[in-house]
Amino acid sequence: VHRSPPLKDPKTHQAVREMSQHAQRKELEE
């Protein structure tokens, strides 16, 4: 498929990265 506009959007990339990092900080070491 042709890329969906949010897949091209740097703001969406940044929001995904921030969300992921936020959740990773809550992960247990194991």
PDB file of all heavy atoms in Angstrom:
ATOM      1  N   VAL A   1       0.811  -1.206   0.000  1.00  0.00           N
ATOM      2  CA  VAL A   1       0.000   0.000   0.000  1.00  0.00           C
ATOM      3  C   VAL A   1       0.846   1.258   0.000  1.00  0.00           C
ATOM      4  O   VAL A   1       2.020   1.236   0.332  1.00  0.00           O
ATOM      5  CB  VAL A   1      -0.937   0.007   1.218  1.00  0.00           C
ATOM      6  CG1 VAL A   1      -1.887  -1.155   1.168  1.00  0.00           C
ATOM      7  CG2 VAL A   1      -0.164  -0.003   2.516  1.00  0.00           C
ATOM      8  N   HIS A   2       0.207   2.352  -0.371  1.00  0.00           N
ATOM      9  CA  HIS A   2       0.856   3.646  -0.267  1.00  0.00           C
ATOM     10  C   HIS A   2       0.751   4.100   1.184  1.00  0.00           C
ATOM     11  O   HIS A   2      -0.247   3.852   1.842  1.00  0.00           O
ATOM     12  CB  HIS A   2       0.206   4.646  -1.222  1.00  0.00           C
ATOM     13  CG  HIS A   2       0.418   4.255  -2.649  1.00  0.00           C
ATOM     14  ND1 HIS A   2       1.625   4.423  -3.276  1.00  0.00           N
ATOM     15  CD2 HIS A   2      -0.397   3.659  -3.541  1.00  0.00           C
ATOM     16  CE1 HIS A   2       1.539   3.955  -4.510  1.00  0.00           C
ATOM     17  NE2 HIS A   2       0.320   3.488  -4.698  1.00  0.00           N
ATOM     18  N   ARG A   3       1.760   4.742   1.649  1.00  0.00           N
ATOM     19  CA  ARG A   3       1.851   5.096   3.054  1.00  0.00           C
ATOM     20  C   ARG A   3       0.720   6.031   3.480  1.00  0.00           C
ATOM     21  O   ARG A   3       0.437   7.017   2.841  1.00  0.00           O
ATOM     22  CB  ARG A   3       3.203   5.737   3.317  1.00  0.00           C
ATOM     23  CG  ARG A   3       3.493   5.833   4.791  1.00  0.00           C
ATOM     24  CD  ARG A   3       4.829   6.389   5.063  1.00  0.00           C
ATOM     25  NE  ARG A   3       5.856   5.421   4.727  1.00  0.00           N
ATOM     26  CZ  ARG A   3       7.125   5.739   4.682  1.00  0.00           C
ATOM     27  NH1 ARG A   3       7.530   6.948   4.917  1.00  0.00           N
ATOM     28  NH2 ARG A   3       8.010   4.821   4.382  1.00  0.00           N
ATOM     29  N   SER A   4       0.119   5.703   4.598  1.00  0.00           N
ATOM     30  CA  SER A   4      -0.926   6.507   5.216  1.00  0.00           C
ATOM     31  C   SER A   4      -0.295   7.809   5.728  1.00  0.00           C
ATOM     32  O   SER A   4       0.820   7.789   6.243  1.00  0.00           O
ATOM     33  CB  SER A   4      -1.516   5.704   6.367  1.00  0.00           C
ATOM     34  OG  SER A   4      -2.464   6.439   7.069  1.00  0.00           O
ATOM     35  N   PRO A   5      -0.992   8.946   5.603  1.00  0.00           N
ATOM     36  CA  PRO A   5      -0.412  10.227   6.044  1.00  0.00           C
ATOM     37  C   PRO A   5       0.166  10.229   7.456  1.00  0.00           C
ATOM     38  O   PRO A   5       1.266  10.762   7.654  1.00  0.00           O
ATOM     39  CB  PRO A   5      -1.580  11.209   5.893  1.00  0.00           C
ATOM     40  CG  PRO A   5      -2.378  10.635   4.767  1.00  0.00           C
ATOM     41  CD  PRO A   5      -2.292   9.138   4.949  1.00  0.00           C
ATOM     42  N   PRO A   6      -0.491   9.639   8.479  1.00  0.00           N
ATOM     43  CA  PRO A   6       0.144   9.646   9.800  1.00  0.00           C
ATOM     44  C   PRO A   6       1.475   8.887   9.851  1.00  0.00           C
ATOM     45  O   PRO A   6       2.331   9.192  10.682  1.00  0.00           O
ATOM     46  CB  PRO A   6      -0.893   8.980  10.705  1.00  0.00           C
ATOM     47  CG  PRO A   6      -2.189   9.208  10.026  1.00  0.00           C
ATOM     48  CD  PRO A   6      -1.871   9.144   8.556  1.00  0.00           C
ATOM     49  N   LEU A   7       1.660   7.917   8.951  1.00  0.00           N
ATOM     50  CA  LEU A   7       2.946   7.200   8.928  1.00  0.00           C
ATOM     51  C   LEU A   7       4.079   8.095   8.421  1.00  0.00           C
ATOM     52  O   LEU A   7       5.241   7.831   8.676  1.00  0.00           O
ATOM     53  CB  LEU A   7       2.854   5.936   8.068  1.00  0.00           C
ATOM     54  CG  LEU A   7       2.043   4.793   8.654  1.00  0.00           C
ATOM     55  CD1 LEU A   7       1.934   3.650   7.647  1.00  0.00           C
ATOM     56  CD2 LEU A   7       2.643   4.299   9.956  1.00  0.00           C
ATOM     57  N   LYS A   8       3.727   9.163   7.710  1.00  0.00           N
ATOM     58  CA  LYS A   8       4.719  10.109   7.198  1.00  0.00           C
ATOM     59  C   LYS A   8       4.950  11.280   8.142  1.00  0.00           C
ATOM     60  O   LYS A   8       5.912  12.012   7.988  1.00  0.00           O
ATOM     61  CB  LYS A   8       4.259  10.695   5.851  1.00  0.00           C
ATOM     62  CG  LYS A   8       4.098   9.721   4.743  1.00  0.00           C
ATOM     63  CD  LYS A   8       3.726  10.494   3.490  1.00  0.00           C
ATOM     64  CE  LYS A   8       2.594   9.849   2.764  1.00  0.00           C
ATOM     65  NZ  LYS A   8       2.184  10.591   1.594  1.00  0.00           N
ATOM     66  N   ASP A   9       4.048  11.485   9.077  1.00  0.00           N
ATOM     67  CA  ASP A   9       4.047  12.681   9.909  1.00  0.00           C
ATOM     68  C   ASP A   9       5.065  12.585  11.055  1.00  0.00           C
ATOM     69  O   ASP A   9       4.942  11.718  11.924  1.00  0.00           O
ATOM     70  CB  ASP A   9       2.644  12.891  10.481  1.00  0.00           C
ATOM     71  CG  ASP A   9       2.479  14.201  11.211  1.00  0.00           C
ATOM     72  OD1 ASP A   9       3.476  14.925  11.405  1.00  0.00           O
ATOM     73  OD2 ASP A   9       1.338  14.507  11.596  1.00  0.00           O
ATOM     74  N   PRO A  10       6.055  13.477  11.087  1.00  0.00           N
ATOM     75  CA  PRO A  10       7.047  13.472  12.180  1.00  0.00           C
ATOM     76  C   PRO A  10       6.412  13.651  13.564  1.00  0.00           C
ATOM     77  O   PRO A  10       6.928  13.123  14.552  1.00  0.00           O
ATOM     78  CB  PRO A  10       7.969  14.656  11.853  1.00  0.00           C
ATOM     79  CG  PRO A  10       7.729  14.968  10.423  1.00  0.00           C
ATOM     80  CD  PRO A  10       6.340  14.512  10.096  1.00  0.00           C
ATOM     81  N   LYS A  11       5.290  14.368  13.639  1.00  0.00           N
ATOM     82  CA  LYS A  11       4.622  14.548  14.932  1.00  0.00           C
ATOM     83  C   LYS A  11       4.078  13.216  15.451  1.00  0.00           C
ATOM     84  O   LYS A  11       4.122  12.948  16.650  1.00  0.00           O
ATOM     85  CB  LYS A  11       3.490  15.564  14.813  1.00  0.00           C
ATOM     86  CG  LYS A  11       3.965  16.982  14.603  1.00  0.00           C
ATOM     87  CD  LYS A  11       2.796  17.924  14.438  1.00  0.00           C
ATOM     88  CE  LYS A  11       3.280  19.323  14.093  1.00  0.00           C
ATOM     89  NZ  LYS A  11       2.169  20.217  13.778  1.00  0.00           N
ATOM     90  N   THR A  12       3.560  12.404  14.555  1.00  0.00           N
ATOM     91  CA  THR A  12       3.064  11.087  14.965  1.00  0.00           C
ATOM     92  C   THR A  12       4.229  10.216  15.413  1.00  0.00           C
ATOM     93  O   THR A  12       4.133   9.525  16.429  1.00  0.00           O
ATOM     94  CB  THR A  12       2.288  10.405  13.820  1.00  0.00           C
ATOM     95  OG1 THR A  12       1.286  11.292  13.329  1.00  0.00           O
ATOM     96  CG2 THR A  12       1.636   9.115  14.289  1.00  0.00           C
ATOM     97  N   HIS A  13       5.338  10.259  14.676  1.00  0.00           N
ATOM     98  CA  HIS A  13       6.533   9.508  15.074  1.00  0.00           C
ATOM     99  C   HIS A  13       6.976   9.924  16.474  1.00  0.00           C
ATOM    100  O   HIS A  13       7.301   9.066  17.308  1.00  0.00           O
ATOM    101  CB  HIS A  13       7.677   9.737  14.078  1.00  0.00           C
ATOM    102  CG  HIS A  13       7.529   9.002  12.803  1.00  0.00           C
ATOM    103  ND1 HIS A  13       8.180   7.811  12.557  1.00  0.00           N
ATOM    104  CD2 HIS A  13       6.802   9.272  11.697  1.00  0.00           C
ATOM    105  CE1 HIS A  13       7.865   7.384  11.352  1.00  0.00           C
ATOM    106  NE2 HIS A  13       7.028   8.253  10.808  1.00  0.00           N
ATOM    107  N   GLN A  14       7.001  11.211  16.737  1.00  0.00           N
ATOM    108  CA  GLN A  14       7.420  11.717  18.041  1.00  0.00           C
ATOM    109  C   GLN A  14       6.461  11.276  19.138  1.00  0.00           C
ATOM    110  O   GLN A  14       6.885  10.854  20.215  1.00  0.00           O
ATOM    111  CB  GLN A  14       7.522  13.250  18.006  1.00  0.00           C
ATOM    112  CG  GLN A  14       8.013  13.863  19.302  1.00  0.00           C
ATOM    113  CD  GLN A  14       9.427  13.451  19.654  1.00  0.00           C
ATOM    114  OE1 GLN A  14      10.254  13.157  18.790  1.00  0.00           O
ATOM    115  NE2 GLN A  14       9.709  13.390  20.948  1.00  0.00           N
ATOM    116  N   ALA A  15       5.156  11.345  18.879  1.00  0.00           N
ATOM    117  CA  ALA A  15       4.160  10.928  19.871  1.00  0.00           C
ATOM    118  C   ALA A  15       4.291   9.435  20.185  1.00  0.00           C
ATOM    119  O   ALA A  15       4.197   9.032  21.349  1.00  0.00           O
ATOM    120  CB  ALA A  15       2.751  11.247  19.379  1.00  0.00           C
ATOM    121  N   VAL A  16       4.537   8.630  19.161  1.00  0.00           N
ATOM    122  CA  VAL A  16       4.728   7.187  19.371  1.00  0.00           C
ATOM    123  C   VAL A  16       5.965   6.952  20.235  1.00  0.00           C
ATOM    124  O   VAL A  16       5.937   6.163  21.188  1.00  0.00           O
ATOM    125  CB  VAL A  16       4.851   6.443  18.014  1.00  0.00           C
ATOM    126  CG1 VAL A  16       5.393   5.036  18.198  1.00  0.00           C
ATOM    127  CG2 VAL A  16       3.507   6.409  17.305  1.00  0.00           C
ATOM    128  N   ARG A  17       7.047   7.637  19.915  1.00  0.00           N
ATOM    129  CA  ARG A  17       8.300   7.486  20.667  1.00  0.00           C
ATOM    130  C   ARG A  17       8.101   7.887  22.136  1.00  0.00           C
ATOM    131  O   ARG A  17       8.517   7.172  23.048  1.00  0.00           O
ATOM    132  CB  ARG A  17       9.391   8.331  20.005  1.00  0.00           C
ATOM    133  CG  ARG A  17      10.786   7.956  20.329  1.00  0.00           C
ATOM    134  CD  ARG A  17      11.864   8.632  19.477  1.00  0.00           C
ATOM    135  NE  ARG A  17      11.492   9.833  18.740  1.00  0.00           N
ATOM    136  CZ  ARG A  17      11.185   9.869  17.442  1.00  0.00           C
ATOM    137  NH1 ARG A  17      11.196   8.762  16.730  1.00  0.00           N
ATOM    138  NH2 ARG A  17      10.873  10.997  16.839  1.00  0.00           N
ATOM    139  N   GLU A  18       7.438   9.024  22.358  1.00  0.00           N
ATOM    140  CA  GLU A  18       7.198   9.493  23.729  1.00  0.00           C
ATOM    141  C   GLU A  18       6.306   8.527  24.500  1.00  0.00           C
ATOM    142  O   GLU A  18       6.560   8.246  25.675  1.00  0.00           O
ATOM    143  CB  GLU A  18       6.558  10.884  23.701  1.00  0.00           C
ATOM    144  CG  GLU A  18       7.513  11.980  23.284  1.00  0.00           C
ATOM    145  CD  GLU A  18       6.822  13.327  23.095  1.00  0.00           C
ATOM    146  OE1 GLU A  18       5.596  13.435  23.383  1.00  0.00           O
ATOM    147  OE2 GLU A  18       7.505  14.275  22.657  1.00  0.00           O
ATOM    148  N   MET A  19       5.262   8.041  23.848  1.00  0.00           N
ATOM    149  CA  MET A  19       4.349   7.098  24.489  1.00  0.00           C
ATOM    150  C   MET A  19       5.083   5.823  24.871  1.00  0.00           C
ATOM    151  O   MET A  19       4.925   5.308  25.982  1.00  0.00           O
ATOM    152  CB  MET A  19       3.203   6.760  23.534  1.00  0.00           C
ATOM    153  CG  MET A  19       2.195   5.809  24.097  1.00  0.00           C
ATOM    154  SD  MET A  19       1.036   6.624  25.151  1.00  0.00           S
ATOM    155  CE  MET A  19       0.444   7.883  24.066  1.00  0.00           C
ATOM    156  N   SER A  20       5.893   5.329  23.969  1.00  0.00           N
ATOM    157  CA  SER A  20       6.655   4.112  24.216  1.00  0.00           C
ATOM    158  C   SER A  20       7.620   4.305  25.385  1.00  0.00           C
ATOM    159  O   SER A  20       7.694   3.459  26.288  1.00  0.00           O
ATOM    160  CB  SER A  20       7.420   3.731  22.946  1.00  0.00           C
ATOM    161  OG  SER A  20       8.217   2.604  23.173  1.00  0.00           O
ATOM    162  N   GLN A  21       8.339   5.399  25.384  1.00  0.00           N
ATOM    163  CA  GLN A  21       9.305   5.671  26.459  1.00  0.00           C
ATOM    164  C   GLN A  21       8.592   5.839  27.798  1.00  0.00           C
ATOM    165  O   GLN A  21       9.076   5.367  28.834  1.00  0.00           O
ATOM    166  CB  GLN A  21      10.133   6.907  26.128  1.00  0.00           C
ATOM    167  CG  GLN A  21      11.090   6.665  24.988  1.00  0.00           C
ATOM    168  CD  GLN A  21      11.744   7.936  24.465  1.00  0.00           C
ATOM    169  OE1 GLN A  21      11.373   9.049  24.833  1.00  0.00           O
ATOM    170  NE2 GLN A  21      12.718   7.774  23.579  1.00  0.00           N
ATOM    171  N   HIS A  22       7.434   6.484  27.791  1.00  0.00           N
ATOM    172  CA  HIS A  22       6.644   6.663  29.005  1.00  0.00           C
ATOM    173  C   HIS A  22       6.274   5.299  29.592  1.00  0.00           C
ATOM    174  O   HIS A  22       6.418   5.071  30.802  1.00  0.00           O
ATOM    175  CB  HIS A  22       5.383   7.483  28.678  1.00  0.00           C
ATOM    176  CG  HIS A  22       4.526   7.778  29.848  1.00  0.00           C
ATOM    177  ND1 HIS A  22       3.414   7.030  30.151  1.00  0.00           N
ATOM    178  CD2 HIS A  22       4.605   8.746  30.796  1.00  0.00           C
ATOM    179  CE1 HIS A  22       2.842   7.516  31.232  1.00  0.00           C
ATOM    180  NE2 HIS A  22       3.539   8.568  31.642  1.00  0.00           N
ATOM    181  N   ALA A  23       5.807   4.400  28.768  1.00  0.00           N
ATOM    182  CA  ALA A  23       5.423   3.064  29.237  1.00  0.00           C
ATOM    183  C   ALA A  23       6.644   2.251  29.657  1.00  0.00           C
ATOM    184  O   ALA A  23       6.586   1.511  30.643  1.00  0.00           O
ATOM    185  CB  ALA A  23       4.644   2.334  28.150  1.00  0.00           C
ATOM    186  N   GLN A  24       7.748   2.380  28.933  1.00  0.00           N
ATOM    187  CA  GLN A  24       8.955   1.624  29.268  1.00  0.00           C
ATOM    188  C   GLN A  24       9.497   2.006  30.643  1.00  0.00           C
ATOM    189  O   GLN A  24      10.048   1.161  31.357  1.00  0.00           O
ATOM    190  CB  GLN A  24      10.032   1.824  28.203  1.00  0.00           C
ATOM    191  CG  GLN A  24       9.715   1.128  26.904  1.00  0.00           C
ATOM    192  CD  GLN A  24      10.648   1.518  25.775  1.00  0.00           C
ATOM    193  OE1 GLN A  24      11.650   2.206  25.975  1.00  0.00           O
ATOM    194  NE2 GLN A  24      10.319   1.083  24.561  1.00  0.00           N
ATOM    195  N   ARG A  25       9.336   3.269  31.029  1.00  0.00           N
ATOM    196  CA  ARG A  25       9.796   3.697  32.358  1.00  0.00           C
ATOM    197  C   ARG A  25       9.003   3.007  33.467  1.00  0.00           C
ATOM    198  O   ARG A  25       9.478   2.899  34.599  1.00  0.00           O
ATOM    199  CB  ARG A  25       9.687   5.213  32.496  1.00  0.00           C
ATOM    200  CG  ARG A  25      10.755   5.960  31.736  1.00  0.00           C
ATOM    201  CD  ARG A  25      10.786   7.443  32.087  1.00  0.00           C
ATOM    202  NE  ARG A  25       9.620   8.177  31.644  1.00  0.00           N
ATOM    203  CZ  ARG A  25       9.490   8.746  30.444  1.00  0.00           C
ATOM    204  NH1 ARG A  25      10.476   8.654  29.564  1.00  0.00           N
ATOM    205  NH2 ARG A  25       8.390   9.400  30.128  1.00  0.00           N
ATOM    206  N   LYS A  26       7.821   2.506  33.150  1.00  0.00           N
ATOM    207  CA  LYS A  26       6.978   1.827  34.139  1.00  0.00           C
ATOM    208  C   LYS A  26       7.221   0.317  34.187  1.00  0.00           C
ATOM    209  O   LYS A  26       6.685  -0.355  35.058  1.00  0.00           O
ATOM    210  CB  LYS A  26       5.504   2.078  33.821  1.00  0.00           C
ATOM    211  CG  LYS A  26       5.092   3.501  33.952  1.00  0.00           C
ATOM    212  CD  LYS A  26       3.637   3.584  33.543  1.00  0.00           C
ATOM    213  CE  LYS A  26       3.030   4.859  34.043  1.00  0.00           C
ATOM    214  NZ  LYS A  26       1.582   4.810  33.947  1.00  0.00           N
ATOM    215  N   GLU A  27       7.984  -0.203  33.228  1.00  0.00           N
ATOM    216  CA  GLU A  27       8.202  -1.648  33.156  1.00  0.00           C
ATOM    217  C   GLU A  27       9.018  -2.146  34.343  1.00  0.00           C
ATOM    218  O   GLU A  27       9.929  -1.468  34.816  1.00  0.00           O
ATOM    219  CB  GLU A  27       8.966  -2.019  31.875  1.00  0.00           C
ATOM    220  CG  GLU A  27       8.120  -2.086  30.653  1.00  0.00           C
ATOM    221  CD  GLU A  27       8.909  -2.525  29.427  1.00  0.00           C
ATOM    222  OE1 GLU A  27       9.965  -3.178  29.555  1.00  0.00           O
ATOM    223  OE2 GLU A  27       8.463  -2.192  28.325  1.00  0.00           O
ATOM    224  N   LEU A  28       8.706  -3.345  34.754  1.00  0.00           N
ATOM    225  CA  LEU A  28       9.522  -4.016  35.758  1.00  0.00           C
ATOM    226  C   LEU A  28      10.820  -4.477  35.105  1.00  0.00           C
ATOM    227  O   LEU A  28      10.853  -4.778  33.908  1.00  0.00           O
ATOM    228  CB  LEU A  28       8.769  -5.225  36.328  1.00  0.00           C
ATOM    229  CG  LEU A  28       7.415  -4.941  36.991  1.00  0.00           C
ATOM    230  CD1 LEU A  28       6.746  -6.248  37.378  1.00  0.00           C
ATOM    231  CD2 LEU A  28       7.604  -4.031  38.195  1.00  0.00           C
ATOM    232  N   GLU A  29      11.864  -4.566  35.879  1.00  0.00           N
ATOM    233  CA  GLU A  29      13.171  -4.971  35.354  1.00  0.00           C
ATOM    234  C   GLU A  29      13.085  -6.319  34.625  1.00  0.00           C
ATOM    235  O   GLU A  29      13.659  -6.503  33.558  1.00  0.00           O
ATOM    236  CB  GLU A  29      14.190  -5.045  36.501  1.00  0.00           C
ATOM    237  CG  GLU A  29      15.581  -5.429  36.074  1.00  0.00           C
ATOM    238  CD  GLU A  29      16.254  -4.386  35.187  1.00  0.00           C
ATOM    239  OE1 GLU A  29      15.991  -3.172  35.369  1.00  0.00           O
ATOM    240  OE2 GLU A  29      17.037  -4.775  34.304  1.00  0.00           O
ATOM    241  N   GLU A  30      12.331  -7.246  35.181  1.00  0.00           N
ATOM    242  CA  GLU A  30      12.235  -8.583  34.584  1.00  0.00           C
ATOM    243  C   GLU A  30      11.506  -8.587  33.235  1.00  0.00           C
ATOM    244  O   GLU A  30      11.646  -9.516  32.438  1.00  0.00           O
ATOM    245  CB  GLU A  30      11.544  -9.548  35.549  1.00  0.00           C
ATOM    246  CG  GLU A  30      10.093  -9.183  35.796  1.00  0.00           C
ATOM    247  CD  GLU A  30       9.646  -9.389  37.222  1.00  0.00           C
ATOM    248  OE1 GLU A  30      10.414  -9.093  38.138  1.00  0.00           O
ATOM    249  OE2 GLU A  30       8.511  -9.847  37.395  1.00  0.00           O
TER     250      GLU A  30
END
